[in-house]
Structures are given as C-alpha cells and as structure tokens.
Amino acid sequence: MKSPGSPFSNSNGTRLVLFIVGFSLLAAVGTFWNYSRHVFSTSHAMVMESNGRVNASFSSSITAQLHPRQHAKVTLASAPGTPLQAEIVTVVKGSVLLQLLEKPTSFFPGEACEVTIDTTVPASADL
C-alpha cells in the first residue's frame, strides 16, 4: 500500500525483488553453461604400461593449455565409478602422457580408460 506522502509503492519493491531474482538465475545459468562447456576436457585413452602410464589424445587447442605436473582424473573401463588421480608427465602436440598416482587393484596394459582434466587449474595450483 502506498502512504499518502510516499513516492514508493509496494509494487515497486516486488518488481525490484523479481528483477534481482531473475538476474541471479540468469547469471547462474550462464556460469553453469560456460563452466560445463569450457572447463573440463575429457578424452578416451589407453593404459600403456603396467606401472600406470596412460596415453591420451587431445586436440592441439587443449594440449596448448596443459602442462607437466597438472593433475587429471583417469577412469578405467574395469572400474567406471572410481576415478583415479594422475599427473601429466609429458605434453606433445595432440598427445598427453600421464602417470597414475594411485595404483588400482587390477588393470592391464591396453585397457581403455577416460582422462578428464580441468583446464582452468594451472599446474602450480595442483601442488
């Protein structure tokens, strides 16, 4: 209700609240969209050696953002619900060699896996 001498009414407050809520929802959706499209890079890979070396292929635009000692998650085909920590050893145009930091109970050379790397986290922040 509007007071006789007041320039503000109840509808102005409602509009302001709705505008703030709408703007916040739009910002949250935009952030989620950007994060889900541009942050994580996933590639199919293969276990190369029994000591836990993994070779993954990425596009050259992704490998330009990757550096040795950067952390990644490797999900083995034999254990899809348990991602393992890995560290990038070498980055060559289009190819990334990783070392598993955790040894799974059973894996074998030639086993398929997926490698996921957060490209927004620099190698120095992973320490």
N, C-alpha and C. Protein backbone atom coordinates (compact mmCIF):
# COMPACT_ATOMS: atom_id res chain seq x y z
N MET A 1 0.83 -1.18 0.00
CA MET A 1 0.00 0.00 0.00
C MET A 1 0.87 1.24 0.00
N LYS A 2 0.33 2.25 -0.57
CA LYS A 2 1.07 3.50 -0.70
C LYS A 2 0.63 4.47 0.39
N SER A 3 1.62 5.04 1.09
CA SER A 3 1.33 6.07 2.08
C SER A 3 1.04 7.36 1.33
N PRO A 4 0.26 8.23 1.92
CA PRO A 4 -0.10 9.47 1.21
C PRO A 4 1.12 10.29 0.77
N GLY A 5 2.19 10.37 1.52
CA GLY A 5 3.32 11.20 1.14
C GLY A 5 4.50 10.42 0.58
N SER A 6 4.38 9.10 0.40
CA SER A 6 5.50 8.26 -0.01
C SER A 6 5.56 8.09 -1.53
N PRO A 7 6.77 8.27 -2.13
CA PRO A 7 6.89 8.08 -3.57
C PRO A 7 6.99 6.60 -3.96
N PHE A 8 7.16 5.70 -2.99
CA PHE A 8 7.32 4.27 -3.27
C PHE A 8 6.03 3.52 -2.98
N SER A 9 5.79 2.53 -3.78
CA SER A 9 4.63 1.69 -3.53
C SER A 9 5.10 0.25 -3.35
N ASN A 10 4.24 -0.59 -2.91
CA ASN A 10 4.56 -1.99 -2.69
C ASN A 10 4.91 -2.68 -4.00
N SER A 11 4.31 -2.28 -5.11
CA SER A 11 4.58 -2.94 -6.40
C SER A 11 6.00 -2.65 -6.88
N ASN A 12 6.56 -1.50 -6.53
CA ASN A 12 7.94 -1.21 -6.91
C ASN A 12 8.91 -2.16 -6.22
N GLY A 13 8.67 -2.46 -4.97
CA GLY A 13 9.52 -3.40 -4.23
C GLY A 13 9.42 -4.80 -4.79
N THR A 14 8.23 -5.20 -5.17
CA THR A 14 8.02 -6.51 -5.76
C THR A 14 8.76 -6.61 -7.09
N ARG A 15 8.70 -5.58 -7.89
CA ARG A 15 9.40 -5.57 -9.17
C ARG A 15 10.90 -5.65 -8.97
N LEU A 16 11.41 -4.93 -8.00
CA LEU A 16 12.85 -4.95 -7.72
C LEU A 16 13.30 -6.35 -7.29
N VAL A 17 12.55 -6.98 -6.42
CA VAL A 17 12.89 -8.32 -5.96
C VAL A 17 12.84 -9.30 -7.13
N LEU A 18 11.82 -9.24 -7.95
CA LEU A 18 11.71 -10.11 -9.10
C LEU A 18 12.86 -9.88 -10.09
N PHE A 19 13.25 -8.63 -10.28
CA PHE A 19 14.38 -8.32 -11.16
C PHE A 19 15.67 -8.93 -10.61
N ILE A 20 15.93 -8.78 -9.32
CA ILE A 20 17.15 -9.32 -8.71
C ILE A 20 17.16 -10.85 -8.80
N VAL A 21 16.05 -11.49 -8.51
CA VAL A 21 15.96 -12.95 -8.59
C VAL A 21 16.17 -13.41 -10.04
N GLY A 22 15.52 -12.75 -10.97
CA GLY A 22 15.67 -13.12 -12.39
C GLY A 22 17.09 -12.94 -12.87
N PHE A 23 17.71 -11.85 -12.50
CA PHE A 23 19.10 -11.59 -12.90
C PHE A 23 20.04 -12.63 -12.28
N SER A 24 19.80 -12.99 -11.04
CA SER A 24 20.63 -14.01 -10.37
C SER A 24 20.49 -15.37 -11.05
N LEU A 25 19.28 -15.74 -11.41
CA LEU A 25 19.07 -17.01 -12.11
C LEU A 25 19.76 -17.00 -13.48
N LEU A 26 19.65 -15.90 -14.19
CA LEU A 26 20.31 -15.78 -15.49
C LEU A 26 21.82 -15.89 -15.34
N ALA A 27 22.41 -15.26 -14.33
CA ALA A 27 23.85 -15.34 -14.09
C ALA A 27 24.26 -16.77 -13.72
N ALA A 28 23.47 -17.45 -12.91
CA ALA A 28 23.79 -18.83 -12.52
C ALA A 28 23.74 -19.76 -13.73
N VAL A 29 22.74 -19.63 -14.58
CA VAL A 29 22.64 -20.46 -15.78
C VAL A 29 23.80 -20.18 -16.72
N GLY A 30 24.16 -18.92 -16.89
CA GLY A 30 25.29 -18.55 -17.75
C GLY A 30 26.60 -19.10 -17.23
N THR A 31 26.81 -19.05 -15.94
CA THR A 31 28.03 -19.59 -15.34
C THR A 31 28.10 -21.10 -15.52
N PHE A 32 27.00 -21.79 -15.26
CA PHE A 32 26.96 -23.24 -15.43
C PHE A 32 27.22 -23.62 -16.89
N TRP A 33 26.61 -22.93 -17.81
CA TRP A 33 26.79 -23.22 -19.24
C TRP A 33 28.25 -23.04 -19.63
N ASN A 34 28.86 -21.93 -19.24
CA ASN A 34 30.25 -21.66 -19.58
C ASN A 34 31.18 -22.69 -18.94
N TYR A 35 30.95 -23.00 -17.69
CA TYR A 35 31.81 -23.95 -16.97
C TYR A 35 31.71 -25.34 -17.57
N SER A 36 30.51 -25.77 -17.90
CA SER A 36 30.35 -27.12 -18.44
C SER A 36 30.89 -27.26 -19.86
N ARG A 37 30.97 -26.18 -20.59
CA ARG A 37 31.44 -26.24 -21.98
C ARG A 37 32.94 -26.01 -22.13
N HIS A 38 33.53 -25.23 -21.23
CA HIS A 38 34.90 -24.78 -21.46
C HIS A 38 35.91 -25.18 -20.40
N VAL A 39 35.52 -25.93 -19.41
CA VAL A 39 36.45 -26.20 -18.33
C VAL A 39 37.03 -27.60 -18.40
N PHE A 40 36.19 -28.59 -18.36
CA PHE A 40 36.70 -29.95 -18.32
C PHE A 40 36.91 -30.48 -19.73
N SER A 41 38.03 -31.11 -19.94
CA SER A 41 38.33 -31.75 -21.21
C SER A 41 38.49 -33.24 -20.94
N THR A 42 37.70 -34.04 -21.65
CA THR A 42 37.73 -35.49 -21.47
C THR A 42 38.12 -36.14 -22.78
N SER A 43 38.92 -37.17 -22.68
CA SER A 43 39.35 -37.89 -23.87
C SER A 43 39.42 -39.37 -23.56
N HIS A 44 39.20 -40.17 -24.58
CA HIS A 44 39.41 -41.62 -24.44
C HIS A 44 40.91 -41.85 -24.45
N ALA A 45 41.34 -42.82 -23.66
CA ALA A 45 42.78 -43.08 -23.52
C ALA A 45 43.00 -44.57 -23.37
N MET A 46 44.28 -44.93 -23.18
CA MET A 46 44.64 -46.33 -23.02
C MET A 46 45.80 -46.45 -22.04
N VAL A 47 45.72 -47.45 -21.17
CA VAL A 47 46.82 -47.75 -20.26
C VAL A 47 47.95 -48.32 -21.11
N MET A 48 49.14 -47.71 -21.01
CA MET A 48 50.26 -48.11 -21.86
C MET A 48 51.15 -49.16 -21.19
N GLU A 49 51.39 -49.02 -19.89
CA GLU A 49 52.33 -49.90 -19.20
C GLU A 49 51.74 -50.34 -17.87
N SER A 50 52.25 -51.44 -17.35
CA SER A 50 51.75 -51.95 -16.07
C SER A 50 52.15 -51.08 -14.89
N ASN A 51 53.07 -50.14 -15.09
CA ASN A 51 53.46 -49.24 -14.00
C ASN A 51 52.52 -48.04 -13.88
N GLY A 52 51.47 -47.98 -14.71
CA GLY A 52 50.46 -46.94 -14.57
C GLY A 52 50.60 -45.78 -15.54
N ARG A 53 51.33 -45.94 -16.61
CA ARG A 53 51.41 -44.89 -17.63
C ARG A 53 50.17 -44.94 -18.51
N VAL A 54 49.61 -43.78 -18.79
CA VAL A 54 48.40 -43.68 -19.61
C VAL A 54 48.67 -42.69 -20.72
N ASN A 55 48.26 -43.03 -21.94
CA ASN A 55 48.42 -42.14 -23.08
C ASN A 55 47.03 -41.70 -23.53
N ALA A 56 46.84 -40.37 -23.64
CA ALA A 56 45.56 -39.82 -24.07
C ALA A 56 45.77 -38.87 -25.23
N SER A 57 44.80 -38.82 -26.12
CA SER A 57 44.85 -37.90 -27.26
C SER A 57 43.87 -36.77 -27.03
N PHE A 58 44.35 -35.55 -27.19
CA PHE A 58 43.52 -34.36 -27.08
C PHE A 58 43.77 -33.51 -28.32
N SER A 59 42.88 -32.58 -28.59
CA SER A 59 43.10 -31.65 -29.70
C SER A 59 44.26 -30.72 -29.35
N SER A 60 44.88 -30.16 -30.36
CA SER A 60 46.04 -29.28 -30.11
C SER A 60 45.64 -28.03 -29.33
N SER A 61 44.39 -27.58 -29.44
CA SER A 61 43.96 -26.41 -28.67
C SER A 61 43.89 -26.74 -27.17
N ILE A 62 43.56 -27.98 -26.86
CA ILE A 62 43.53 -28.40 -25.45
C ILE A 62 44.95 -28.63 -24.95
N THR A 63 45.79 -29.32 -25.73
CA THR A 63 47.16 -29.59 -25.26
C THR A 63 47.95 -28.31 -25.06
N ALA A 64 47.58 -27.24 -25.74
CA ALA A 64 48.25 -25.95 -25.52
C ALA A 64 48.00 -25.42 -24.12
N GLN A 65 46.91 -25.86 -23.48
CA GLN A 65 46.55 -25.40 -22.13
C GLN A 65 47.09 -26.32 -21.03
N LEU A 66 47.67 -27.45 -21.40
CA LEU A 66 48.11 -28.43 -20.43
C LEU A 66 49.61 -28.33 -20.18
N HIS A 67 50.02 -28.70 -18.96
CA HIS A 67 51.42 -28.60 -18.57
C HIS A 67 51.81 -29.81 -17.71
N PRO A 68 53.08 -30.20 -17.75
CA PRO A 68 53.52 -31.28 -16.86
C PRO A 68 53.23 -30.93 -15.39
N ARG A 69 52.94 -31.95 -14.61
CA ARG A 69 52.59 -31.90 -13.19
C ARG A 69 51.16 -31.46 -12.94
N GLN A 70 50.40 -31.17 -13.98
CA GLN A 70 48.99 -30.84 -13.81
C GLN A 70 48.23 -32.13 -13.51
N HIS A 71 47.27 -32.05 -12.61
CA HIS A 71 46.54 -33.25 -12.19
C HIS A 71 45.38 -33.55 -13.13
N ALA A 72 45.03 -34.82 -13.19
CA ALA A 72 43.92 -35.30 -14.01
C ALA A 72 43.24 -36.44 -13.29
N LYS A 73 42.08 -36.82 -13.78
CA LYS A 73 41.37 -37.99 -13.25
C LYS A 73 41.27 -39.00 -14.37
N VAL A 74 41.61 -40.24 -14.05
CA VAL A 74 41.56 -41.33 -15.01
C VAL A 74 40.52 -42.33 -14.52
N THR A 75 39.57 -42.65 -15.38
CA THR A 75 38.54 -43.63 -15.06
C THR A 75 38.76 -44.86 -15.93
N LEU A 76 39.10 -45.96 -15.31
CA LEU A 76 39.35 -47.20 -16.03
C LEU A 76 38.02 -47.84 -16.45
N ALA A 77 38.03 -48.53 -17.57
CA ALA A 77 36.83 -49.21 -18.05
C ALA A 77 36.40 -50.30 -17.07
N SER A 78 37.35 -50.92 -16.39
CA SER A 78 37.03 -52.01 -15.45
C SER A 78 36.47 -51.49 -14.12
N ALA A 79 36.64 -50.19 -13.84
CA ALA A 79 36.12 -49.60 -12.60
C ALA A 79 35.53 -48.23 -12.91
N PRO A 80 34.37 -48.18 -13.59
CA PRO A 80 33.83 -46.90 -14.06
C PRO A 80 33.41 -45.92 -12.97
N GLY A 81 33.15 -46.38 -11.77
CA GLY A 81 32.70 -45.49 -10.71
C GLY A 81 33.82 -44.95 -9.83
N THR A 82 35.06 -45.31 -10.13
CA THR A 82 36.18 -44.93 -9.27
C THR A 82 37.26 -44.21 -10.06
N PRO A 83 37.19 -42.87 -10.15
CA PRO A 83 38.26 -42.16 -10.85
C PRO A 83 39.56 -42.16 -10.03
N LEU A 84 40.67 -42.32 -10.71
CA LEU A 84 41.98 -42.35 -10.07
C LEU A 84 42.72 -41.05 -10.36
N GLN A 85 43.53 -40.60 -9.40
CA GLN A 85 44.34 -39.41 -9.59
C GLN A 85 45.53 -39.73 -10.48
N ALA A 86 45.84 -38.81 -11.37
CA ALA A 86 47.00 -38.96 -12.25
C ALA A 86 47.66 -37.60 -12.42
N GLU A 87 48.88 -37.63 -12.92
CA GLU A 87 49.65 -36.39 -13.13
C GLU A 87 50.21 -36.42 -14.55
N ILE A 88 50.14 -35.28 -15.22
CA ILE A 88 50.68 -35.20 -16.57
C ILE A 88 52.20 -35.25 -16.50
N VAL A 89 52.79 -36.13 -17.31
CA VAL A 89 54.25 -36.26 -17.38
C VAL A 89 54.77 -35.46 -18.57
N THR A 90 54.19 -35.69 -19.73
CA THR A 90 54.63 -35.00 -20.95
C THR A 90 53.44 -34.59 -21.78
N VAL A 91 53.59 -33.45 -22.43
CA VAL A 91 52.57 -32.96 -23.36
C VAL A 91 53.24 -32.74 -24.70
N VAL A 92 52.78 -33.47 -25.69
CA VAL A 92 53.25 -33.31 -27.06
C VAL A 92 52.01 -32.98 -27.88
N LYS A 93 52.16 -32.17 -28.90
CA LYS A 93 51.01 -31.73 -29.68
C LYS A 93 50.05 -32.89 -29.98
N GLY A 94 48.87 -32.84 -29.40
CA GLY A 94 47.85 -33.86 -29.64
C GLY A 94 47.92 -35.07 -28.74
N SER A 95 48.95 -35.19 -27.92
CA SER A 95 49.10 -36.37 -27.08
C SER A 95 49.58 -35.99 -25.68
N VAL A 96 49.05 -36.69 -24.70
CA VAL A 96 49.41 -36.42 -23.30
C VAL A 96 49.76 -37.75 -22.64
N LEU A 97 50.91 -37.79 -21.98
CA LEU A 97 51.33 -38.98 -21.23
C LEU A 97 51.14 -38.68 -19.75
N LEU A 98 50.42 -39.56 -19.06
CA LEU A 98 50.12 -39.37 -17.65
C LEU A 98 50.65 -40.53 -16.84
N GLN A 99 50.89 -40.25 -15.56
CA GLN A 99 51.30 -41.29 -14.60
C GLN A 99 50.23 -41.37 -13.53
N LEU A 100 49.70 -42.58 -13.29
CA LEU A 100 48.72 -42.76 -12.22
C LEU A 100 49.41 -42.55 -10.87
N LEU A 101 48.79 -41.77 -10.00
CA LEU A 101 49.33 -41.54 -8.66
C LEU A 101 48.79 -42.59 -7.69
N GLU A 102 47.66 -43.17 -8.03
CA GLU A 102 47.07 -44.24 -7.24
C GLU A 102 47.11 -45.51 -8.09
N LYS A 103 47.47 -46.60 -7.50
CA LYS A 103 47.51 -47.87 -8.23
C LYS A 103 46.21 -48.62 -7.98
N PRO A 104 45.45 -48.90 -9.03
CA PRO A 104 44.23 -49.69 -8.83
C PRO A 104 44.58 -51.14 -8.53
N THR A 105 43.62 -51.85 -8.00
CA THR A 105 43.88 -53.25 -7.64
C THR A 105 44.14 -54.10 -8.87
N SER A 106 43.44 -53.82 -9.96
CA SER A 106 43.70 -54.61 -11.17
C SER A 106 43.51 -53.74 -12.40
N PHE A 107 44.52 -53.69 -13.21
CA PHE A 107 44.45 -53.06 -14.51
C PHE A 107 45.53 -53.68 -15.37
N PHE A 108 45.42 -53.51 -16.67
CA PHE A 108 46.37 -54.16 -17.55
C PHE A 108 46.70 -53.25 -18.73
N PRO A 109 47.88 -53.37 -19.29
CA PRO A 109 48.24 -52.58 -20.46
C PRO A 109 47.26 -52.85 -21.60
N GLY A 110 46.85 -51.79 -22.25
CA GLY A 110 45.88 -51.88 -23.33
C GLY A 110 44.45 -51.65 -22.89
N GLU A 111 44.24 -51.51 -21.57
CA GLU A 111 42.89 -51.28 -21.07
C GLU A 111 42.41 -49.88 -21.44
N ALA A 112 41.17 -49.78 -21.86
CA ALA A 112 40.59 -48.49 -22.21
C ALA A 112 40.27 -47.71 -20.94
N CYS A 113 40.37 -46.39 -21.05
CA CYS A 113 40.04 -45.52 -19.92
C CYS A 113 39.67 -44.15 -20.46
N GLU A 114 39.22 -43.29 -19.58
CA GLU A 114 38.92 -41.91 -19.92
C GLU A 114 39.72 -41.00 -19.03
N VAL A 115 40.26 -39.93 -19.61
CA VAL A 115 41.05 -38.96 -18.87
C VAL A 115 40.29 -37.64 -18.87
N THR A 116 40.11 -37.06 -17.68
CA THR A 116 39.44 -35.77 -17.55
C THR A 116 40.39 -34.80 -16.87
N ILE A 117 40.57 -33.63 -17.50
CA ILE A 117 41.50 -32.62 -16.99
C ILE A 117 40.75 -31.30 -16.89
N ASP A 118 40.88 -30.63 -15.75
CA ASP A 118 40.32 -29.29 -15.56
C ASP A 118 41.33 -28.30 -16.11
N THR A 119 41.02 -27.69 -17.24
CA THR A 119 41.98 -26.80 -17.90
C THR A 119 42.08 -25.43 -17.24
N THR A 120 41.23 -25.13 -16.25
CA THR A 120 41.32 -23.83 -15.59
C THR A 120 42.30 -23.85 -14.41
N VAL A 121 42.72 -25.03 -13.98
CA VAL A 121 43.64 -25.14 -12.84
C VAL A 121 45.06 -25.26 -13.37
N PRO A 122 45.91 -24.27 -13.11
CA PRO A 122 47.29 -24.37 -13.57
C PRO A 122 48.05 -25.41 -12.77
N ALA A 123 49.17 -25.88 -13.33
CA ALA A 123 49.96 -26.92 -12.68
C ALA A 123 50.45 -26.49 -11.31
N SER A 124 50.78 -25.22 -11.13
CA SER A 124 51.30 -24.75 -9.84
C SER A 124 50.23 -24.82 -8.75
N ALA A 125 48.96 -24.73 -9.10
CA ALA A 125 47.88 -24.78 -8.11
C ALA A 125 47.58 -26.21 -7.69
N ASP A 126 48.03 -27.19 -8.44
CA ASP A 126 47.75 -28.57 -8.13
C ASP A 126 48.62 -29.12 -7.01
N LEU A 127 49.67 -28.44 -6.63
CA LEU A 127 50.62 -28.96 -5.66
C LEU A 127 50.01 -29.26 -4.33
